[in-house]
Amino acid sequence: MRFIDEYRDAEVAHKIAGSIRRATTRPWKIMEICGGQTHSIIKFGLDELLPKNVTLIHGPGCPVCVTPLEAIEQAVIIASKKDVIFCSFGDMLRVPGKNKDLLSVKAEGGDVRIVYSPMDALELAKKQPDRKVVFFAVGFETTAPANAMAVYQADKQGVSNFSVLVSHVLVPPAMEAVLSSKQNQVQGFLAAGHVCTIMGYKQYELIAEKYKVPIVVTGFEPVDILRGIQLCVEQLERGTFLVQNEYSRVVTRSGNLNAQKIVDKVFCVVPRKWRGIGEIPYSGLGLQKSYERFDAEKIFKLENINVQEPTECIAGMVLQGIKNPHECSEFDRQCKPEHPLGAPMVSSEGACNAYFRYRKNPFGAKI
């Protein structure tokens, strides 16, 4: 299949890996910021093709993983109400909250439904005006335009029984939080291609210049990722700190201006807590005042919830790239996909899930 097969070509991948080995003269540590990239790296064994002095660090790029416990608890409370239809993408249903997850609420009789788009939830609200329909609006900049459009359309169409529980996060502030940490080890970044499809990569140019780190925008297939690593290593060896776009078949410098316009109309930048990391200033999206009547957090008066992270889960250190999943004492013991302690074991983009699926199985996919 075009744009798939050629980016999974083993011969090409091994040639790029050889170029990386020849270019590398010193140890380098590169963070892939996206959970989709992490999943591909572990699934295809891309890190095993690299020279030993090139280390990949898995970053906080899984939207399910970084959704804070407070948001999960809010979702559980709302979904448990008898007059509510709670709508969500499927990967959020098994994320553990304080005492239960959304799947448990559904099993107990709550009306929790999986939808493929926030517009599906809006249509449901129009068809059932006697019920309150709430959509769990999570994710990075990638999902923000569709969620913004659902709110915009609800306003235009006068749908008063529709609301959104917002837990959107933004990538550039998270990158700055990693780089400014005393524990930072990152010397270069692979930026998330799908985020840059929406937002472009102009914001990353300021980060590259400020922190003196090369940033390469790349995709999710093996050849994409290896080419991104190659460009990053070559910059590190030269001592340059530029933003390069390896994913030019999808990403432009300015991004999708129409998508950005609807996001800016409906949402505003707010502080946001990241699960296992804590609050990062200017790292989230919340509804503009003109759309606050669609804010489920305010409608159900759930602004002051505070939930403590389980002490036995090191998800925060995994999300910051400080530790790898197999360094957790509960990995494949108390914490498994069917009984997760933390979100990174639930999500298909989570680092813990990827290690569990592919690093335990010697017959996993390889390039």
Protein backbone atom coordinates (compact mmCIF):
# COMPACT_ATOMS: atom_id res chain seq x y z
CA MET A 1 0.00 0.00 0.00
CA ARG A 2 1.43 3.35 -1.04
CA PHE A 3 2.77 5.51 1.83
CA ILE A 4 2.84 2.40 4.03
CA ASP A 5 4.89 -0.33 2.37
CA GLU A 6 7.75 1.90 1.27
CA TYR A 7 8.05 3.28 4.79
CA ARG A 8 8.32 -0.24 6.19
CA ASP A 9 10.97 -1.36 3.70
CA ALA A 10 13.51 -3.38 5.73
CA GLU A 11 16.36 -2.78 3.27
CA VAL A 12 15.88 0.98 3.39
CA ALA A 13 15.56 0.90 7.18
CA HIS A 14 18.83 -1.01 7.60
CA LYS A 15 20.62 1.37 5.23
CA ILE A 16 19.50 4.36 7.31
CA ALA A 17 20.55 2.57 10.51
CA GLY A 18 23.98 2.05 8.94
CA SER A 19 24.20 5.76 8.13
CA ILE A 20 23.36 6.57 11.76
CA ARG A 21 26.12 4.25 13.00
CA ARG A 22 28.66 5.85 10.68
CA ALA A 23 27.61 9.38 11.67
CA THR A 24 27.72 8.79 15.43
CA THR A 25 30.98 9.55 17.24
CA ARG A 26 29.66 10.41 20.72
CA PRO A 27 26.79 9.38 23.02
CA TRP A 28 23.49 11.10 22.27
CA LYS A 29 20.07 10.95 23.91
CA ILE A 30 17.03 11.71 21.78
CA MET A 31 13.42 11.85 22.96
CA GLU A 32 10.53 10.84 20.73
CA ILE A 33 7.70 12.99 22.04
CA CYS A 34 4.83 10.92 20.64
CA GLY A 35 3.45 7.68 22.03
CA GLY A 36 2.66 6.48 18.50
CA GLN A 37 6.36 6.76 17.69
CA THR A 38 7.26 4.93 20.91
CA HIS A 39 4.92 2.12 19.94
CA SER A 40 6.52 1.77 16.48
CA ILE A 41 10.04 1.90 17.93
CA ILE A 42 9.35 -0.96 20.32
CA LYS A 43 7.13 -2.95 17.92
CA PHE A 44 9.68 -2.94 15.10
CA GLY A 45 12.77 -3.03 17.31
CA LEU A 46 14.13 0.22 15.86
CA ASP A 47 16.12 1.02 18.99
CA GLU A 48 17.93 -2.30 18.56
CA LEU A 49 19.15 -1.19 15.11
CA LEU A 50 20.87 1.88 16.54
CA PRO A 51 24.46 2.13 17.78
CA LYS A 52 24.76 1.67 21.53
CA ASN A 53 25.72 5.31 22.05
CA VAL A 54 22.39 6.55 20.62
CA THR A 55 19.71 6.26 23.31
CA LEU A 56 16.02 6.85 22.70
CA ILE A 57 14.05 8.33 25.60
CA HIS A 58 10.29 7.87 25.60
CA GLY A 59 8.44 11.15 26.20
CA PRO A 60 5.01 12.22 27.52
CA GLY A 61 3.36 11.97 24.12
CA CYS A 62 0.46 9.65 24.89
CA PRO A 63 -2.74 11.72 25.41
CA VAL A 64 -4.47 8.93 27.33
CA CYS A 65 -1.44 8.53 29.61
CA VAL A 66 -1.15 12.18 30.61
CA THR A 67 -4.86 12.78 31.31
CA PRO A 68 -4.80 13.53 35.06
CA LEU A 69 -6.47 11.39 37.69
CA GLU A 70 -8.75 14.31 38.55
CA ALA A 71 -10.20 14.27 35.02
CA ILE A 72 -10.79 10.51 35.20
CA GLU A 73 -12.52 10.94 38.55
CA GLN A 74 -14.69 13.74 37.12
CA ALA A 75 -15.60 11.48 34.20
CA VAL A 76 -16.53 8.62 36.55
CA ILE A 77 -18.75 10.90 38.66
CA ILE A 78 -20.54 12.36 35.64
CA ALA A 79 -20.96 8.99 33.90
CA SER A 80 -22.52 7.52 37.04
CA LYS A 81 -25.43 9.98 36.96
CA LYS A 82 -28.73 8.50 35.77
CA ASP A 83 -29.68 11.37 33.47
CA VAL A 84 -26.31 11.39 31.64
CA ILE A 85 -25.06 9.71 28.48
CA PHE A 86 -21.28 9.84 28.73
CA CYS A 87 -19.44 9.57 25.40
CA SER A 88 -15.76 8.86 24.94
CA PHE A 89 -13.17 7.39 22.64
CA GLY A 90 -12.69 3.74 23.53
CA ASP A 91 -9.13 4.02 24.83
CA MET A 92 -10.27 6.14 27.80
CA LEU A 93 -12.66 3.55 29.24
CA ARG A 94 -10.02 1.44 31.01
CA VAL A 95 -7.83 4.23 32.36
CA PRO A 96 -7.81 3.72 36.13
CA GLY A 97 -9.17 6.49 38.32
CA LYS A 98 -9.20 6.73 42.08
CA ASN A 99 -11.35 3.63 42.65
CA LYS A 100 -12.73 2.60 39.26
CA ASP A 101 -12.66 3.28 35.53
CA LEU A 102 -15.37 4.18 33.03
CA LEU A 103 -15.75 0.55 31.98
CA SER A 104 -16.66 -0.30 35.57
CA VAL A 105 -19.26 2.48 35.55
CA LYS A 106 -20.72 1.00 32.36
CA ALA A 107 -20.79 -2.48 33.94
CA GLU A 108 -22.67 -1.02 36.92
CA GLY A 109 -25.38 0.39 34.66
CA GLY A 110 -24.01 3.78 33.68
CA ASP A 111 -24.79 4.88 30.13
CA VAL A 112 -21.22 5.06 28.83
CA ARG A 113 -20.86 4.94 25.05
CA ILE A 114 -17.89 4.69 22.71
CA VAL A 115 -18.02 7.15 19.82
CA TYR A 116 -15.67 7.76 16.93
CA SER A 117 -16.12 11.52 16.79
CA PRO A 118 -17.38 14.30 19.07
CA MET A 119 -19.91 15.05 16.34
CA ASP A 120 -21.44 11.62 17.05
CA ALA A 121 -22.02 12.76 20.63
CA LEU A 122 -23.57 16.00 19.42
CA GLU A 123 -25.96 14.09 17.14
CA LEU A 124 -26.89 11.88 20.08
CA ALA A 125 -27.71 14.98 22.16
CA LYS A 126 -29.98 16.26 19.39
CA LYS A 127 -31.82 12.93 19.22
CA GLN A 128 -32.25 12.64 23.01
CA PRO A 129 -33.02 16.16 24.30
CA ASP A 130 -34.24 14.79 27.65
CA ARG A 131 -30.76 13.43 28.50
CA LYS A 132 -27.50 15.27 29.24
CA VAL A 133 -24.85 14.16 26.77
CA VAL A 134 -21.22 14.70 27.80
CA PHE A 135 -18.21 14.11 25.56
CA PHE A 136 -14.77 13.45 27.09
CA ALA A 137 -12.58 15.90 25.13
CA VAL A 138 -9.01 14.73 25.63
CA GLY A 139 -5.85 14.71 23.56
CA PHE A 140 -3.18 16.94 22.10
CA GLU A 141 -3.58 19.57 19.40
CA THR A 142 -4.53 16.79 16.97
CA THR A 143 -8.02 16.18 18.37
CA ALA A 144 -8.70 19.77 19.44
CA PRO A 145 -10.18 21.00 16.10
CA ALA A 146 -12.90 18.34 15.98
CA ASN A 147 -13.78 18.91 19.63
CA ALA A 148 -13.88 22.66 19.06
CA MET A 149 -16.16 22.18 16.05
CA ALA A 150 -18.59 20.08 18.09
CA VAL A 151 -18.90 22.86 20.68
CA TYR A 152 -19.18 25.50 17.95
CA GLN A 153 -21.96 23.56 16.23
CA ALA A 154 -23.77 22.93 19.52
CA ASP A 155 -23.80 26.69 20.06
CA LYS A 156 -24.95 27.47 16.51
CA GLN A 157 -27.70 24.83 16.61
CA GLY A 158 -28.88 25.67 20.13
CA VAL A 159 -28.20 22.21 21.56
CA SER A 160 -28.35 22.93 25.30
CA ASN A 161 -28.03 19.36 26.61
CA PHE A 162 -24.54 18.83 25.13
CA SER A 163 -21.32 19.54 27.03
CA VAL A 164 -17.65 18.57 27.02
CA LEU A 165 -15.31 17.52 29.81
CA VAL A 166 -12.10 19.13 28.57
CA SER A 167 -8.62 17.79 29.30
CA HIS A 168 -6.64 18.96 26.28
CA VAL A 169 -2.87 19.31 26.53
CA LEU A 170 -0.28 21.06 24.35
CA VAL A 171 3.06 19.61 23.26
CA PRO A 172 5.50 22.60 23.19
CA PRO A 173 5.09 23.49 26.91
CA ALA A 174 5.68 19.83 27.81
CA MET A 175 8.91 19.85 25.80
CA GLU A 176 10.02 22.98 27.66
CA ALA A 177 9.14 21.35 30.98
CA VAL A 178 11.35 18.38 30.10
CA LEU A 179 14.24 20.58 28.94
CA SER A 180 14.11 22.85 32.00
CA SER A 181 14.02 19.95 34.48
CA LYS A 182 17.10 19.33 36.65
CA GLN A 183 16.80 15.66 35.65
CA ASN A 184 16.79 16.42 31.92
CA GLN A 185 18.92 14.14 29.75
CA VAL A 186 17.40 15.03 26.37
CA GLN A 187 19.73 16.43 23.70
CA GLY A 188 17.38 16.29 20.71
CA PHE A 189 13.72 15.68 19.87
CA LEU A 190 11.63 13.80 17.36
CA ALA A 191 8.49 15.93 17.16
CA ALA A 192 5.04 14.39 16.65
CA GLY A 193 4.00 14.51 13.02
CA HIS A 194 0.24 14.50 13.61
CA VAL A 195 0.42 17.42 16.04
CA CYS A 196 2.49 19.39 13.53
CA THR A 197 -0.04 18.55 10.80
CA ILE A 198 -2.45 20.80 12.72
CA MET A 199 -0.15 23.36 14.33
CA GLY A 200 2.86 23.43 12.00
CA TYR A 201 6.32 23.67 13.52
CA LYS A 202 6.99 27.40 13.92
CA GLN A 203 6.60 27.08 17.72
CA TYR A 204 9.39 24.52 17.82
CA GLU A 205 11.86 26.93 16.25
CA LEU A 206 11.77 29.07 19.40
CA ILE A 207 12.39 25.99 21.59
CA ALA A 208 15.30 24.79 19.43
CA GLU A 209 16.94 28.22 19.62
CA LYS A 210 16.29 28.76 23.34
CA TYR A 211 17.49 25.36 24.57
CA LYS A 212 20.02 24.60 21.82
CA VAL A 213 18.41 21.30 20.81
CA PRO A 214 17.75 19.98 17.31
CA ILE A 215 14.10 19.06 16.66
CA VAL A 216 13.06 16.85 13.75
CA VAL A 217 9.38 16.52 12.80
CA THR A 218 8.77 12.93 11.79
CA GLY A 219 6.07 10.36 11.16
CA PHE A 220 5.32 6.97 12.65
CA GLU A 221 6.56 4.32 10.24
CA PRO A 222 10.01 2.71 10.70
CA VAL A 223 11.69 4.55 7.82
CA ASP A 224 10.20 7.87 9.00
CA ILE A 225 11.49 7.40 12.52
CA LEU A 226 14.95 6.20 11.53
CA ARG A 227 15.32 9.08 9.07
CA GLY A 228 14.29 11.48 11.85
CA ILE A 229 16.91 9.98 14.16
CA GLN A 230 19.52 10.27 11.41
CA LEU A 231 18.80 13.96 10.85
CA CYS A 232 18.85 14.60 14.60
CA VAL A 233 22.17 12.77 15.11
CA GLU A 234 23.76 14.60 12.18
CA GLN A 235 22.74 17.93 13.72
CA LEU A 236 24.08 16.93 17.13
CA GLU A 237 27.38 15.91 15.58
CA ARG A 238 27.60 19.25 13.73
CA GLY A 239 26.51 21.26 16.73
CA THR A 240 23.48 22.79 14.99
CA PHE A 241 20.06 23.36 16.57
CA LEU A 242 17.46 23.62 13.86
CA VAL A 243 13.94 22.37 13.23
CA GLN A 244 13.83 19.98 10.28
CA ASN A 245 10.72 18.55 8.67
CA GLU A 246 11.18 14.88 7.73
CA TYR A 247 7.39 14.47 7.43
CA SER A 248 6.96 16.95 4.56
CA ARG A 249 4.41 14.74 2.79
CA VAL A 250 1.96 15.73 5.55
CA VAL A 251 3.38 18.65 7.57
CA THR A 252 3.96 22.28 6.58
CA ARG A 253 5.63 25.01 8.62
CA SER A 254 2.34 26.86 9.18
CA GLY A 255 0.09 23.82 9.65
CA ASN A 256 -3.65 23.73 9.05
CA LEU A 257 -4.79 27.34 9.42
CA ASN A 258 -8.51 26.54 9.30
CA ALA A 259 -8.13 24.00 12.11
CA GLN A 260 -6.15 26.51 14.17
CA LYS A 261 -8.85 29.13 13.62
CA ILE A 262 -11.66 27.00 15.08
CA VAL A 263 -9.45 25.96 18.01
CA ASP A 264 -8.63 29.59 18.81
CA LYS A 265 -12.30 30.56 18.56
CA VAL A 266 -13.56 27.94 21.02
CA PHE A 267 -10.58 27.29 23.29
CA CYS A 268 -8.08 29.36 25.24
CA VAL A 269 -4.71 28.40 26.73
CA VAL A 270 -4.83 27.40 30.42
CA PRO A 271 -2.54 25.69 32.95
CA ARG A 272 -3.02 21.92 32.88
CA LYS A 273 -2.05 19.13 35.21
CA TRP A 274 -0.36 16.16 33.52
CA ARG A 275 -0.75 12.74 35.09
CA GLY A 276 2.41 11.72 36.92
CA ILE A 277 4.12 15.03 36.11
CA GLY A 278 2.11 17.80 37.73
CA GLU A 279 0.88 21.17 36.53
CA ILE A 280 2.63 22.75 33.55
CA PRO A 281 1.83 26.44 32.88
CA TYR A 282 0.18 27.29 29.55
CA SER A 283 0.06 23.60 28.64
CA GLY A 284 -3.66 23.01 28.18
CA LEU A 285 -6.80 24.18 26.46
CA GLY A 286 -10.02 25.22 28.18
CA LEU A 287 -13.24 26.68 26.84
CA GLN A 288 -13.43 30.39 26.11
CA LYS A 289 -15.82 32.33 28.38
CA SER A 290 -18.28 32.65 25.52
CA TYR A 291 -18.57 28.83 25.44
CA GLU A 292 -18.42 28.11 29.20
CA ARG A 293 -22.04 26.95 29.25
CA PHE A 294 -20.78 23.80 27.48
CA ASP A 295 -18.18 23.08 30.19
CA ALA A 296 -19.16 19.85 31.97
CA GLU A 297 -16.73 20.55 34.80
CA LYS A 298 -18.69 23.69 35.68
CA ILE A 299 -22.14 22.25 34.90
CA PHE A 300 -21.63 19.39 37.36
CA LYS A 301 -19.62 21.55 39.85
CA LEU A 302 -16.49 19.38 39.84
CA GLU A 303 -13.76 22.05 39.80
CA ASN A 304 -12.20 21.24 43.18
CA ILE A 305 -11.45 17.51 42.89
CA ASN A 306 -7.95 16.45 43.93
CA VAL A 307 -6.73 12.84 43.65
CA GLN A 308 -3.37 11.42 44.76
CA GLU A 309 -1.31 9.23 42.42
CA PRO A 310 -0.72 5.62 43.56
CA THR A 311 2.72 5.50 45.16
CA GLU A 312 3.63 2.14 43.63
CA CYS A 313 3.21 3.43 40.04
CA ILE A 314 6.20 5.13 38.36
CA ALA A 315 4.18 6.32 35.35
CA GLY A 316 5.32 9.90 35.95
CA MET A 317 8.99 8.95 35.62
CA VAL A 318 8.21 6.85 32.54
CA LEU A 319 6.35 9.76 30.94
CA GLN A 320 9.29 12.09 31.60
CA GLY A 321 11.77 9.62 30.15
CA ILE A 322 13.57 9.23 33.49
CA LYS A 323 12.86 5.50 33.69
CA ASN A 324 11.83 2.75 31.28
CA PRO A 325 8.78 0.57 31.96
CA HIS A 326 10.73 -2.57 32.84
CA GLU A 327 12.47 -0.64 35.64
CA CYS A 328 9.14 -0.56 37.52
CA SER A 329 8.91 -3.20 40.25
CA GLU A 330 5.23 -3.79 39.38
CA PHE A 331 5.69 -4.15 35.60
CA ASP A 332 4.17 -7.49 34.50
CA ARG A 333 3.40 -8.23 38.14
CA GLN A 334 0.69 -6.11 39.74
CA CYS A 335 0.51 -3.93 36.61
CA LYS A 336 -0.70 -5.56 33.39
CA PRO A 337 -3.01 -4.33 30.58
CA GLU A 338 -5.99 -6.16 32.08
CA HIS A 339 -5.26 -4.72 35.56
CA PRO A 340 -3.24 -1.53 35.04
CA LEU A 341 -1.88 0.64 37.81
CA GLY A 342 -1.25 3.56 35.47
CA ALA A 343 -2.46 4.86 32.13
CA PRO A 344 0.75 4.00 30.18
CA MET A 345 -0.17 0.33 30.56
CA VAL A 346 -3.70 0.93 29.20
CA SER A 347 -3.18 2.95 26.07
CA SER A 348 -1.95 1.39 22.83
CA GLU A 349 0.39 4.42 22.66
CA GLY A 350 1.64 3.98 26.23
CA ALA A 351 5.27 2.98 26.72
CA CYS A 352 4.39 0.37 29.36
CA ASN A 353 1.84 -1.23 27.05
CA ALA A 354 4.34 -1.32 24.17
CA TYR A 355 7.02 -2.96 26.32
CA PHE A 356 4.50 -5.47 27.66
CA ARG A 357 3.27 -6.40 24.17
CA TYR A 358 6.57 -6.53 22.30
CA ARG A 359 9.53 -6.77 24.66
CA LYS A 360 8.05 -9.84 26.37
CA ASN A 361 7.41 -11.57 23.04
CA PRO A 362 10.48 -12.71 21.07
CA PHE A 363 8.27 -13.17 18.00
CA GLY A 364 7.08 -9.55 17.95
CA ALA A 365 7.19 -7.58 14.72
CA LYS A 366 10.66 -6.61 13.54
CA ILE A 367 11.77 -4.52 10.62
